[in-house]
Structures are given as structure tokens and as C-alpha cells.
Amino acid sequence: MRTIRYSKDVDALLIQLSNKQIDYAEEEGQLIVHFSRDNQPVLIEILDAKEFLLSSFSSLIKEKEVALP
């Protein structure tokens, strides 16, 4: 089941890719990717989502490459 939810109180965008159980997570800047035991991505969290999305879209409009921190 794929779902996208936004948590306004913590400004986080949650993108669920599957219903598998989460075994571990890796964090890189504003992104946290949760993986299953078989190393498949299950959930992606984007922290400070408004800032992340606005800067990403702004870069796309300006035709710049988006670099993650």
C-alpha cells in the first residue's frame, strides 16, 4: 500500500512504499529512509518538508540540480 501523509505539527512528509515491517533506518540530512529486513525501502520521511519541497521546486524551476545536504 502506497500512501503519502503530511504531519503539520512536526512539518514532516511521510511516504509509505510498502506494508513490510521496518527493521532499520538511515538518515541523510532532511531524509530518513526506513528499510525492511531484506533491505527494501518501506517508508521515506522528509523533515522540514515545506522548506525541502520549496527549495526543490525552486531549483527545478530555475533548472538547477538539487543537492542534498
PDB file of N, CA and C in Angstrom:
ATOM      1  N   MET A   1       0.840  -1.179   0.000  1.00  0.00           N
ATOM      2  CA  MET A   1       0.000   0.000   0.000  1.00  0.00           C
ATOM      3  C   MET A   1       0.887   1.245   0.000  1.00  0.00           C
ATOM      4  N   ARG A   2       0.722   2.102  -0.955  1.00  0.00           N
ATOM      5  CA  ARG A   2       1.482   3.341  -1.029  1.00  0.00           C
ATOM      6  C   ARG A   2       0.602   4.496  -0.590  1.00  0.00           C
ATOM      7  N   THR A   3       1.101   5.249   0.383  1.00  0.00           N
ATOM      8  CA  THR A   3       0.365   6.412   0.868  1.00  0.00           C
ATOM      9  C   THR A   3       1.329   7.555   1.102  1.00  0.00           C
ATOM     10  N   ILE A   4       0.788   8.765   1.041  1.00  0.00           N
ATOM     11  CA  ILE A   4       1.550   9.969   1.355  1.00  0.00           C
ATOM     12  C   ILE A   4       0.749  10.736   2.393  1.00  0.00           C
ATOM     13  N   ARG A   5       1.432  11.067   3.495  1.00  0.00           N
ATOM     14  CA  ARG A   5       0.786  11.834   4.568  1.00  0.00           C
ATOM     15  C   ARG A   5       1.687  12.998   4.950  1.00  0.00           C
ATOM     16  N   TYR A   6       1.054  14.080   5.376  1.00  0.00           N
ATOM     17  CA  TYR A   6       1.797  15.231   5.869  1.00  0.00           C
ATOM     18  C   TYR A   6       1.427  15.456   7.322  1.00  0.00           C
ATOM     19  N   SER A   7       2.432  15.548   8.177  1.00  0.00           N
ATOM     20  CA  SER A   7       2.223  15.817   9.596  1.00  0.00           C
ATOM     21  C   SER A   7       2.534  17.287   9.850  1.00  0.00           C
ATOM     22  N   LYS A   8       1.490  18.071   9.964  1.00  0.00           N
ATOM     23  CA  LYS A   8       1.641  19.519  10.103  1.00  0.00           C
ATOM     24  C   LYS A   8       2.347  19.903  11.400  1.00  0.00           C
ATOM     25  N   ASP A   9       2.059  19.192  12.486  1.00  0.00           N
ATOM     26  CA  ASP A   9       2.625  19.569  13.781  1.00  0.00           C
ATOM     27  C   ASP A   9       4.143  19.431  13.836  1.00  0.00           C
ATOM     28  N   VAL A  10       4.731  18.538  13.038  1.00  0.00           N
ATOM     29  CA  VAL A  10       6.187  18.381  13.010  1.00  0.00           C
ATOM     30  C   VAL A  10       6.775  18.715  11.637  1.00  0.00           C
ATOM     31  N   ASP A  11       5.940  19.167  10.701  1.00  0.00           N
ATOM     32  CA  ASP A  11       6.355  19.530   9.342  1.00  0.00           C
ATOM     33  C   ASP A  11       7.150  18.406   8.680  1.00  0.00           C
ATOM     34  N   ALA A  12       6.528  17.230   8.633  1.00  0.00           N
ATOM     35  CA  ALA A  12       7.178  16.065   8.022  1.00  0.00           C
ATOM     36  C   ALA A  12       6.260  15.448   6.979  1.00  0.00           C
ATOM     37  N   LEU A  13       6.841  15.069   5.851  1.00  0.00           N
ATOM     38  CA  LEU A  13       6.122  14.366   4.798  1.00  0.00           C
ATOM     39  C   LEU A  13       6.508  12.898   4.893  1.00  0.00           C
ATOM     40  N   LEU A  14       5.513  12.020   4.983  1.00  0.00           N
ATOM     41  CA  LEU A  14       5.739  10.583   5.134  1.00  0.00           C
ATOM     42  C   LEU A  14       5.246   9.880   3.880  1.00  0.00           C
ATOM     43  N   ILE A  15       6.133   9.165   3.224  1.00  0.00           N
ATOM     44  CA  ILE A  15       5.786   8.438   2.001  1.00  0.00           C
ATOM     45  C   ILE A  15       5.979   6.949   2.284  1.00  0.00           C
ATOM     46  N   GLN A  16       4.853   6.248   2.419  1.00  0.00           N
ATOM     47  CA  GLN A  16       4.919   4.814   2.705  1.00  0.00           C
ATOM     48  C   GLN A  16       4.920   4.052   1.388  1.00  0.00           C
ATOM     49  N   LEU A  17       5.949   3.217   1.210  1.00  0.00           N
ATOM     50  CA  LEU A  17       6.121   2.489  -0.041  1.00  0.00           C
ATOM     51  C   LEU A  17       5.600   1.064   0.025  1.00  0.00           C
ATOM     52  N   SER A  18       5.581   0.492   1.226  1.00  0.00           N
ATOM     53  CA  SER A  18       5.071  -0.873   1.387  1.00  0.00           C
ATOM     54  C   SER A  18       4.608  -1.090   2.816  1.00  0.00           C
ATOM     55  N   ASN A  19       3.980  -2.228   3.041  1.00  0.00           N
ATOM     56  CA  ASN A  19       3.498  -2.578   4.382  1.00  0.00           C
ATOM     57  C   ASN A  19       4.458  -3.497   5.126  1.00  0.00           C
ATOM     58  N   LYS A  20       5.649  -3.688   4.581  1.00  0.00           N
ATOM     59  CA  LYS A  20       6.619  -4.543   5.258  1.00  0.00           C
ATOM     60  C   LYS A  20       7.007  -3.933   6.602  1.00  0.00           C
ATOM     61  N   GLN A  21       7.453  -4.774   7.503  1.00  0.00           N
ATOM     62  CA  GLN A  21       7.889  -4.309   8.813  1.00  0.00           C
ATOM     63  C   GLN A  21       9.229  -3.594   8.680  1.00  0.00           C
ATOM     64  N   ILE A  22       9.379  -2.488   9.389  1.00  0.00           N
ATOM     65  CA  ILE A  22      10.614  -1.718   9.363  1.00  0.00           C
ATOM     66  C   ILE A  22      11.641  -2.380  10.271  1.00  0.00           C
ATOM     67  N   ASP A  23      12.849  -2.564   9.747  1.00  0.00           N
ATOM     68  CA  ASP A  23      13.922  -3.193  10.503  1.00  0.00           C
ATOM     69  C   ASP A  23      14.979  -2.172  10.941  1.00  0.00           C
ATOM     70  N   TYR A  24      15.280  -1.206  10.060  1.00  0.00           N
ATOM     71  CA  TYR A  24      16.278  -0.190  10.392  1.00  0.00           C
ATOM     72  C   TYR A  24      16.047   1.042   9.527  1.00  0.00           C
ATOM     73  N   ALA A  25      16.736   2.131   9.860  1.00  0.00           N
ATOM     74  CA  ALA A  25      16.601   3.376   9.106  1.00  0.00           C
ATOM     75  C   ALA A  25      17.965   4.000   8.883  1.00  0.00           C
ATOM     76  N   GLU A  26      18.056   4.775   7.817  1.00  0.00           N
ATOM     77  CA  GLU A  26      19.264   5.545   7.523  1.00  0.00           C
ATOM     78  C   GLU A  26      18.851   6.991   7.322  1.00  0.00           C
ATOM     79  N   GLU A  27      19.609   7.897   7.930  1.00  0.00           N
ATOM     80  CA  GLU A  27      19.300   9.319   7.857  1.00  0.00           C
ATOM     81  C   GLU A  27      20.375  10.043   7.069  1.00  0.00           C
ATOM     82  N   GLU A  28      19.930  10.927   6.184  1.00  0.00           N
ATOM     83  CA  GLU A  28      20.844  11.758   5.405  1.00  0.00           C
ATOM     84  C   GLU A  28      20.226  13.141   5.313  1.00  0.00           C
ATOM     85  N   GLY A  29      20.682  14.056   6.152  1.00  0.00           N
ATOM     86  CA  GLY A  29      20.133  15.407   6.154  1.00  0.00           C
ATOM     87  C   GLY A  29      18.671  15.393   6.559  1.00  0.00           C
ATOM     88  N   GLN A  30      17.827  15.911   5.689  1.00  0.00           N
ATOM     89  CA  GLN A  30      16.395  16.006   5.971  1.00  0.00           C
ATOM     90  C   GLN A  30      15.626  14.733   5.612  1.00  0.00           C
ATOM     91  N   LEU A  31      16.304  13.722   5.112  1.00  0.00           N
ATOM     92  CA  LEU A  31      15.637  12.484   4.697  1.00  0.00           C
ATOM     93  C   LEU A  31      15.975  11.344   5.652  1.00  0.00           C
ATOM     94  N   ILE A  32      14.952  10.589   6.001  1.00  0.00           N
ATOM     95  CA  ILE A  32      15.133   9.347   6.742  1.00  0.00           C
ATOM     96  C   ILE A  32      14.440   8.256   5.930  1.00  0.00           C
ATOM     97  N   VAL A  33      15.201   7.250   5.548  1.00  0.00           N
ATOM     98  CA  VAL A  33      14.636   6.132   4.795  1.00  0.00           C
ATOM     99  C   VAL A  33      14.637   4.910   5.702  1.00  0.00           C
ATOM    100  N   HIS A  34      13.455   4.326   5.865  1.00  0.00           N
ATOM    101  CA  HIS A  34      13.283   3.132   6.697  1.00  0.00           C
ATOM    102  C   HIS A  34      13.260   1.913   5.780  1.00  0.00           C
ATOM    103  N   PHE A  35      13.999   0.877   6.172  1.00  0.00           N
ATOM    104  CA  PHE A  35      14.138  -0.314   5.348  1.00  0.00           C
ATOM    105  C   PHE A  35      13.605  -1.556   6.059  1.00  0.00           C
ATOM    106  N   SER A  36      13.199  -2.529   5.262  1.00  0.00           N
ATOM    107  CA  SER A  36      12.787  -3.836   5.781  1.00  0.00           C
ATOM    108  C   SER A  36      14.037  -4.684   6.028  1.00  0.00           C
ATOM    109  N   ARG A  37      13.832  -5.827   6.609  1.00  0.00           N
ATOM    110  CA  ARG A  37      14.935  -6.748   6.887  1.00  0.00           C
ATOM    111  C   ARG A  37      15.670  -7.149   5.600  1.00  0.00           C
ATOM    112  N   ASP A  38      14.927  -7.194   4.476  1.00  0.00           N
ATOM    113  CA  ASP A  38      15.553  -7.572   3.205  1.00  0.00           C
ATOM    114  C   ASP A  38      16.026  -6.353   2.396  1.00  0.00           C
ATOM    115  N   ASN A  39      16.287  -5.253   3.125  1.00  0.00           N
ATOM    116  CA  ASN A  39      16.880  -4.029   2.557  1.00  0.00           C
ATOM    117  C   ASN A  39      16.016  -3.299   1.536  1.00  0.00           C
ATOM    118  N   GLN A  40      14.709  -3.486   1.591  1.00  0.00           N
ATOM    119  CA  GLN A  40      13.799  -2.778   0.702  1.00  0.00           C
ATOM    120  C   GLN A  40      13.279  -1.522   1.410  1.00  0.00           C
ATOM    121  N   PRO A  41      13.221  -0.374   0.719  1.00  0.00           N
ATOM    122  CA  PRO A  41      12.676   0.829   1.358  1.00  0.00           C
ATOM    123  C   PRO A  41      11.194   0.654   1.669  1.00  0.00           C
ATOM    124  N   VAL A  42      10.813   1.012   2.885  1.00  0.00           N
ATOM    125  CA  VAL A  42       9.436   0.865   3.348  1.00  0.00           C
ATOM    126  C   VAL A  42       8.784   2.233   3.530  1.00  0.00           C
ATOM    127  N   LEU A  43       9.529   3.167   4.117  1.00  0.00           N
ATOM    128  CA  LEU A  43       8.986   4.483   4.453  1.00  0.00           C
ATOM    129  C   LEU A  43      10.066   5.534   4.245  1.00  0.00           C
ATOM    130  N   ILE A  44       9.672   6.664   3.645  1.00  0.00           N
ATOM    131  CA  ILE A  44      10.572   7.799   3.496  1.00  0.00           C
ATOM    132  C   ILE A  44       9.981   8.955   4.286  1.00  0.00           C
ATOM    133  N   GLU A  45      10.783   9.531   5.161  1.00  0.00           N
ATOM    134  CA  GLU A  45      10.372  10.717   5.914  1.00  0.00           C
ATOM    135  C   GLU A  45      11.177  11.897   5.404  1.00  0.00           C
ATOM    136  N   ILE A  46      10.482  12.991   5.123  1.00  0.00           N
ATOM    137  CA  ILE A  46      11.149  14.234   4.752  1.00  0.00           C
ATOM    138  C   ILE A  46      10.878  15.218   5.869  1.00  0.00           C
ATOM    139  N   LEU A  47      11.941  15.569   6.607  1.00  0.00           N
ATOM    140  CA  LEU A  47      11.828  16.503   7.721  1.00  0.00           C
ATOM    141  C   LEU A  47      11.910  17.929   7.199  1.00  0.00           C
ATOM    142  N   ASP A  48      11.299  18.876   7.915  1.00  0.00           N
ATOM    143  CA  ASP A  48      11.224  20.266   7.437  1.00  0.00           C
ATOM    144  C   ASP A  48      10.726  20.262   5.998  1.00  0.00           C
ATOM    145  N   ALA A  49       9.606  19.585   5.798  1.00  0.00           N
ATOM    146  CA  ALA A  49       9.097  19.287   4.458  1.00  0.00           C
ATOM    147  C   ALA A  49       8.812  20.535   3.633  1.00  0.00           C
ATOM    148  N   LYS A  50       8.240  21.564   4.238  1.00  0.00           N
ATOM    149  CA  LYS A  50       7.924  22.770   3.462  1.00  0.00           C
ATOM    150  C   LYS A  50       9.183  23.366   2.859  1.00  0.00           C
ATOM    151  N   GLU A  51      10.208  23.525   3.686  1.00  0.00           N
ATOM    152  CA  GLU A  51      11.476  24.084   3.213  1.00  0.00           C
ATOM    153  C   GLU A  51      12.095  23.196   2.140  1.00  0.00           C
ATOM    154  N   PHE A  52      12.104  21.899   2.366  1.00  0.00           N
ATOM    155  CA  PHE A  52      12.690  20.950   1.424  1.00  0.00           C
ATOM    156  C   PHE A  52      11.974  21.008   0.074  1.00  0.00           C
ATOM    157  N   LEU A  53      10.655  20.962   0.098  1.00  0.00           N
ATOM    158  CA  LEU A  53       9.896  20.962  -1.154  1.00  0.00           C
ATOM    159  C   LEU A  53       9.996  22.295  -1.885  1.00  0.00           C
ATOM    160  N   LEU A  54       9.903  23.396  -1.141  1.00  0.00           N
ATOM    161  CA  LEU A  54      10.005  24.706  -1.791  1.00  0.00           C
ATOM    162  C   LEU A  54      11.367  24.903  -2.442  1.00  0.00           C
ATOM    163  N   SER A  55      12.434  24.510  -1.766  1.00  0.00           N
ATOM    164  CA  SER A  55      13.762  24.675  -2.362  1.00  0.00           C
ATOM    165  C   SER A  55      13.951  23.723  -3.543  1.00  0.00           C
ATOM    166  N   SER A  56      13.383  22.527  -3.448  1.00  0.00           N
ATOM    167  CA  SER A  56      13.483  21.570  -4.556  1.00  0.00           C
ATOM    168  C   SER A  56      12.731  22.072  -5.781  1.00  0.00           C
ATOM    169  N   PHE A  57      11.495  22.556  -5.577  1.00  0.00           N
ATOM    170  CA  PHE A  57      10.716  23.057  -6.702  1.00  0.00           C
ATOM    171  C   PHE A  57      11.346  24.319  -7.283  1.00  0.00           C
ATOM    172  N   SER A  58      11.862  25.161  -6.414  1.00  0.00           N
ATOM    173  CA  SER A  58      12.517  26.377  -6.880  1.00  0.00           C
ATOM    174  C   SER A  58      13.711  26.038  -7.763  1.00  0.00           C
ATOM    175  N   SER A  59      14.477  25.034  -7.365  1.00  0.00           N
ATOM    176  CA  SER A  59      15.631  24.602  -8.159  1.00  0.00           C
ATOM    177  C   SER A  59      15.192  24.035  -9.503  1.00  0.00           C
ATOM    178  N   LEU A  60      14.085  23.289  -9.496  1.00  0.00           N
ATOM    179  CA  LEU A  60      13.576  22.738 -10.753  1.00  0.00           C
ATOM    180  C   LEU A  60      13.140  23.845 -11.701  1.00  0.00           C
ATOM    181  N   ILE A  61      12.480  24.843 -11.160  1.00  0.00           N
ATOM    182  CA  ILE A  61      12.022  25.947 -11.987  1.00  0.00           C
ATOM    183  C   ILE A  61      13.205  26.694 -12.575  1.00  0.00           C
ATOM    184  N   LYS A  62      14.256  26.836 -11.773  1.00  0.00           N
ATOM    185  CA  LYS A  62      15.456  27.536 -12.232  1.00  0.00           C
ATOM    186  C   LYS A  62      16.381  26.610 -13.021  1.00  0.00           C
ATOM    187  N   GLU A  63      15.950  25.353 -13.181  1.00  0.00           N
ATOM    188  CA  GLU A  63      16.715  24.341 -13.913  1.00  0.00           C
ATOM    189  C   GLU A  63      18.085  24.092 -13.312  1.00  0.00           C
ATOM    190  N   LYS A  64      18.119  24.018 -11.987  1.00  0.00           N
ATOM    191  CA  LYS A  64      19.356  23.703 -11.290  1.00  0.00           C
ATOM    192  C   LYS A  64      19.273  22.313 -10.723  1.00  0.00           C
ATOM    193  N   GLU A  65      20.421  21.719 -10.530  1.00  0.00           N
ATOM    194  CA  GLU A  65      20.487  20.414  -9.904  1.00  0.00           C
ATOM    195  C   GLU A  65      20.278  20.582  -8.398  1.00  0.00           C
ATOM    196  N   VAL A  66      19.469  19.700  -7.817  1.00  0.00           N
ATOM    197  CA  VAL A  66      19.200  19.751  -6.391  1.00  0.00           C
ATOM    198  C   VAL A  66      20.214  18.851  -5.687  1.00  0.00           C
ATOM    199  N   ALA A  67      20.964  19.429  -4.767  1.00  0.00           N
ATOM    200  CA  ALA A  67      21.940  18.667  -3.998  1.00  0.00           C
ATOM    201  C   ALA A  67      21.444  18.505  -2.575  1.00  0.00           C
ATOM    202  N   LEU A  68      21.445  17.282  -2.073  1.00  0.00           N
ATOM    203  CA  LEU A  68      21.041  17.030  -0.702  1.00  0.00           C
ATOM    204  C   LEU A  68      22.186  17.350   0.228  1.00  0.00           C
ATOM    205  N   PRO A  69      21.849  17.901   1.415  1.00  0.00           N
ATOM    206  CA  PRO A  69      22.919  18.240   2.370  1.00  0.00           C
ATOM    207  C   PRO A  69      23.671  17.016   2.838  1.00  0.00           C
TER     208      PRO A  69
END
